[in-house]
């Protein structure tokens, strides 16, 4: 796993790019930050700078971030893309994930959460934003796993629950965050423990932290 990554911010609003750039440049896991405002610029920057992580807006002046993601991943299959969208359109998000994006967040998400999400994606994780519908989950489930063993055995939902667990969240709080019942969270965690071959949530959290799922 790389210790530092080159990040590309794709957004046609310079204020958004500057804000994210300012925060990313202070992160110890970031090697370099590049910017692009269009699909054409995004593809060019991703290839010439050999970026590892992309924060991708969906609406761009010369096309959309979904097409840009497809073209970037065709040229750089190992790149990790996080979609940032203003409209929580399940169809668009599902299409983005189907072409290889590692997840999505709404653009009005707290900036620190966006930075944490990009770091998670950089490490091979999946980040799914609020109001996740069946189309998004189905698309995420189709993605080839890029996580390191044994995390690569987890479903996107199980991985998301593990990230909350590693951050010290209780079952009740995880359930509220994801709109699930506590029983569902418990069942998902039982599956996580089995796949990771750990005895309990403490061992699972320690394993997750050691593998960079949470600080």
Protein backbone atom coordinates (compact mmCIF):
# COMPACT_ATOMS: atom_id res chain seq x y z
CA UNK A 1 0.00 0.00 0.00
CA UNK A 2 1.36 3.42 -0.91
CA UNK A 3 2.10 5.75 1.98
CA UNK A 4 1.39 8.93 0.01
CA UNK A 5 -0.90 9.53 -2.95
CA UNK A 6 -1.31 12.06 -5.73
CA UNK A 7 -4.83 13.51 -5.69
CA UNK A 8 -6.81 15.12 -8.52
CA UNK A 9 -9.76 17.43 -7.79
CA UNK A 10 -12.22 17.67 -10.68
CA UNK A 11 -14.80 20.46 -10.33
CA UNK A 12 -15.72 23.44 -12.50
CA UNK A 13 -16.01 25.72 -9.45
CA UNK A 14 -12.58 27.15 -8.53
CA UNK A 15 -13.73 27.95 -4.97
CA UNK A 16 -14.53 24.27 -4.40
CA UNK A 17 -11.18 23.19 -5.85
CA UNK A 18 -9.22 25.71 -3.80
CA UNK A 19 -10.99 24.75 -0.59
CA UNK A 20 -10.36 21.02 -1.02
CA UNK A 21 -6.80 21.64 -2.17
CA UNK A 22 -6.00 23.73 0.89
CA UNK A 23 -7.17 20.94 3.18
CA UNK A 24 -5.54 18.11 1.21
CA UNK A 25 -2.15 19.79 1.05
CA UNK A 26 -1.99 19.64 4.84
CA UNK A 27 -2.62 15.88 4.93
CA UNK A 28 0.43 13.65 5.56
CA UNK A 29 -0.93 10.97 3.17
CA UNK A 30 -1.09 13.39 0.22
CA UNK A 31 1.98 13.73 -2.01
CA UNK A 32 0.61 16.18 -4.58
CA UNK A 33 -2.69 17.85 -5.50
CA UNK A 34 -3.77 18.63 -9.06
CA UNK A 35 -6.91 20.33 -10.37
CA UNK A 36 -9.17 20.05 -13.41
CA UNK A 37 -12.36 21.84 -14.43
CA UNK A 38 -13.50 19.73 -17.40
CA UNK A 39 -13.64 16.12 -18.54
CA UNK A 40 -10.79 16.71 -21.01
CA UNK A 41 -8.60 18.33 -18.36
CA UNK A 42 -9.42 15.57 -15.86
CA UNK A 43 -8.32 12.79 -18.20
CA UNK A 44 -5.16 14.66 -19.20
CA UNK A 45 -4.16 15.46 -15.61
CA UNK A 46 -4.93 11.96 -14.36
CA UNK A 47 -2.67 10.40 -16.99
CA UNK A 48 0.19 12.90 -17.09
CA UNK A 49 0.44 13.22 -13.31
CA UNK A 50 -0.30 9.52 -12.71
CA UNK A 51 -2.78 10.33 -9.97
CA UNK A 52 -3.90 7.72 -7.44
CA UNK A 53 -7.07 9.36 -6.11
CA UNK A 54 -9.72 11.50 -7.80
CA UNK A 55 -12.46 13.66 -6.26
CA UNK A 56 -14.88 13.81 -9.19
CA UNK A 57 -17.85 16.13 -9.67
CA UNK A 58 -20.63 14.65 -11.80
CA UNK A 59 -21.70 17.84 -13.61
CA UNK A 60 -18.91 19.24 -15.80
CA UNK A 61 -19.03 21.80 -18.64
CA UNK A 62 -18.00 19.41 -21.44
CA UNK A 63 -19.71 16.25 -20.22
CA UNK A 64 -20.15 14.42 -16.96
CA UNK A 65 -17.94 12.93 -14.30
CA UNK A 66 -19.21 9.45 -15.08
CA UNK A 67 -17.69 9.54 -18.57
CA UNK A 68 -14.55 11.13 -17.13
CA UNK A 69 -14.30 8.33 -14.58
CA UNK A 70 -14.67 5.69 -17.28
CA UNK A 71 -11.94 7.28 -19.39
CA UNK A 72 -9.58 7.79 -16.45
CA UNK A 73 -9.93 4.21 -15.26
CA UNK A 74 -9.40 2.93 -18.78
CA UNK A 75 -6.05 4.74 -18.82
CA UNK A 76 -5.22 4.25 -15.13
CA UNK A 77 -7.01 1.13 -13.82
CA UNK A 78 -5.48 1.48 -10.35
CA UNK A 79 -6.87 4.98 -9.76
CA UNK A 80 -9.52 5.37 -7.06
CA UNK A 81 -12.42 7.74 -7.78
CA UNK A 82 -14.85 9.28 -5.29
CA UNK A 83 -17.86 11.00 -6.86
CA UNK A 84 -19.00 14.32 -5.37
CA UNK A 85 -22.51 15.33 -6.41
CA UNK A 86 -24.96 18.14 -5.67
CA UNK A 87 -28.06 16.09 -6.50
CA UNK A 88 -28.48 12.77 -4.74
CA UNK A 89 -29.55 11.02 -7.94
CA UNK A 90 -29.43 7.29 -7.31
CA UNK A 91 -29.33 6.49 -11.03
CA UNK A 92 -26.29 8.69 -11.67
CA UNK A 93 -24.50 7.41 -8.58
CA UNK A 94 -25.19 3.79 -9.55
CA UNK A 95 -23.87 4.41 -13.08
CA UNK A 96 -20.72 6.00 -11.66
CA UNK A 97 -20.07 3.04 -9.41
CA UNK A 98 -20.74 0.62 -12.25
CA UNK A 99 -17.96 2.21 -14.33
CA UNK A 100 -15.54 1.89 -11.41
CA UNK A 101 -16.01 4.74 -8.91
CA UNK A 102 -15.35 3.72 -5.32
CA UNK A 103 -18.36 5.57 -3.93
CA UNK A 104 -19.91 8.98 -3.56
CA UNK A 105 -20.68 11.84 -1.19
CA UNK A 106 -22.87 14.90 -1.47
CA UNK A 107 -20.96 18.10 -2.17
CA UNK A 108 -22.42 19.77 0.90
CA UNK A 109 -20.85 17.13 3.15
CA UNK A 110 -18.57 18.48 5.88
CA UNK A 111 -15.13 19.07 4.26
CA UNK A 112 -13.31 17.00 6.87
CA UNK A 113 -15.62 14.08 6.09
CA UNK A 114 -14.79 14.45 2.40
CA UNK A 115 -11.07 14.34 3.21
CA UNK A 116 -11.54 11.23 5.35
CA UNK A 117 -13.56 9.64 2.56
CA UNK A 118 -10.82 10.33 0.02
CA UNK A 119 -8.27 8.73 2.33
CA UNK A 120 -10.53 5.68 2.70
CA UNK A 121 -10.90 5.43 -1.07
CA UNK A 122 -7.14 5.86 -1.50
CA UNK A 123 -6.60 2.83 0.72
CA UNK A 124 -8.99 0.78 -1.42
CA UNK A 125 -12.14 1.28 0.61
CA UNK A 126 -15.68 2.03 -0.48
CA UNK A 127 -17.59 5.11 0.68
CA UNK A 128 -21.35 5.26 0.20
CA UNK A 129 -23.18 8.46 1.08
CA UNK A 130 -26.65 8.98 2.60
CA UNK A 131 -29.97 7.65 1.29
CA UNK A 132 -28.42 4.63 -0.36
CA UNK A 133 -30.94 2.86 -2.59
CA UNK A 134 -30.91 -0.65 -4.02
CA UNK A 135 -29.47 0.46 -7.36
CA UNK A 136 -26.41 1.93 -5.65
CA UNK A 137 -25.85 -1.14 -3.47
CA UNK A 138 -26.25 -3.44 -6.47
CA UNK A 139 -23.74 -1.41 -8.45
CA UNK A 140 -21.29 -1.40 -5.55
CA UNK A 141 -21.64 -5.14 -5.09
CA UNK A 142 -20.64 -5.66 -8.74
CA UNK A 143 -17.34 -3.87 -8.30
CA UNK A 144 -14.21 -5.99 -8.22
CA UNK A 145 -12.75 -5.89 -4.73
CA UNK A 146 -9.47 -4.00 -4.43
CA UNK A 147 -9.08 -4.27 -0.68
CA UNK A 148 -6.21 -6.11 0.89
CA UNK A 149 -6.97 -9.53 2.40
CA UNK A 150 -8.90 -10.27 4.51
CA UNK A 151 -10.85 -7.01 3.97
CA UNK A 152 -11.43 -7.99 0.35
CA UNK A 153 -13.93 -10.60 1.57
CA UNK A 154 -16.32 -7.96 2.90
CA UNK A 155 -19.30 -6.58 1.02
CA UNK A 156 -19.44 -2.77 0.59
CA UNK A 157 -22.01 -2.57 3.39
CA UNK A 158 -19.95 -4.75 5.73
CA UNK A 159 -16.89 -2.63 5.02
CA UNK A 160 -18.85 0.54 5.75
CA UNK A 161 -20.05 -0.89 9.07
CA UNK A 162 -16.49 -1.92 9.90
CA UNK A 163 -15.28 1.66 9.34
CA UNK A 164 -17.82 2.92 11.88
CA UNK A 165 -16.88 0.14 14.29
CA UNK A 166 -13.19 1.00 13.95
CA UNK A 167 -14.06 4.62 14.74
CA UNK A 168 -15.61 3.50 18.04
CA UNK A 169 -19.29 3.75 17.09
CA UNK A 170 -21.85 1.62 18.94
CA UNK A 171 -24.28 -0.68 17.14
CA UNK A 172 -27.11 1.73 17.89
CA UNK A 173 -25.24 4.68 16.43
CA UNK A 174 -24.17 2.72 13.36
CA UNK A 175 -27.80 1.70 12.83
CA UNK A 176 -28.96 5.33 13.02
CA UNK A 177 -26.26 6.52 10.64
CA UNK A 178 -27.10 3.92 8.00
CA UNK A 179 -30.87 3.77 8.52
CA UNK A 180 -30.74 0.13 9.59
CA UNK A 181 -32.12 -1.79 12.55
CA UNK A 182 -29.72 -2.76 15.34
CA UNK A 183 -30.52 -6.40 14.59
CA UNK A 184 -29.34 -5.94 11.01
CA UNK A 185 -26.13 -4.30 12.21
CA UNK A 186 -25.51 -7.18 14.63
CA UNK A 187 -26.06 -9.71 11.86
CA UNK A 188 -23.74 -7.83 9.53
CA UNK A 189 -21.07 -7.67 12.22
CA UNK A 190 -21.34 -11.41 12.84
CA UNK A 191 -20.57 -11.90 9.17
CA UNK A 192 -17.67 -9.43 9.41
CA UNK A 193 -16.19 -11.26 12.42
CA UNK A 194 -16.46 -14.58 10.61
CA UNK A 195 -14.82 -13.32 7.42
CA UNK A 196 -12.02 -11.55 9.30
CA UNK A 197 -11.59 -14.55 11.63
CA UNK A 198 -11.82 -12.45 14.79
CA UNK A 199 -13.67 -13.19 18.00
CA UNK A 200 -15.32 -9.85 18.75
CA UNK A 201 -15.66 -6.15 17.93
CA UNK A 202 -12.45 -5.24 19.77
CA UNK A 203 -10.35 -7.58 17.64
CA UNK A 204 -12.18 -6.42 14.52
CA UNK A 205 -11.52 -2.76 15.36
CA UNK A 206 -7.84 -3.45 16.05
CA UNK A 207 -7.44 -5.32 12.76
CA UNK A 208 -9.22 -2.54 10.87
CA UNK A 209 -7.07 0.16 12.42
CA UNK A 210 -3.88 -1.78 11.72
CA UNK A 211 -4.92 -1.98 8.06
CA UNK A 212 -5.63 1.72 7.82
CA UNK A 213 -9.44 1.60 7.87
CA UNK A 214 -9.53 4.20 10.66
CA UNK A 215 -7.05 6.20 12.67
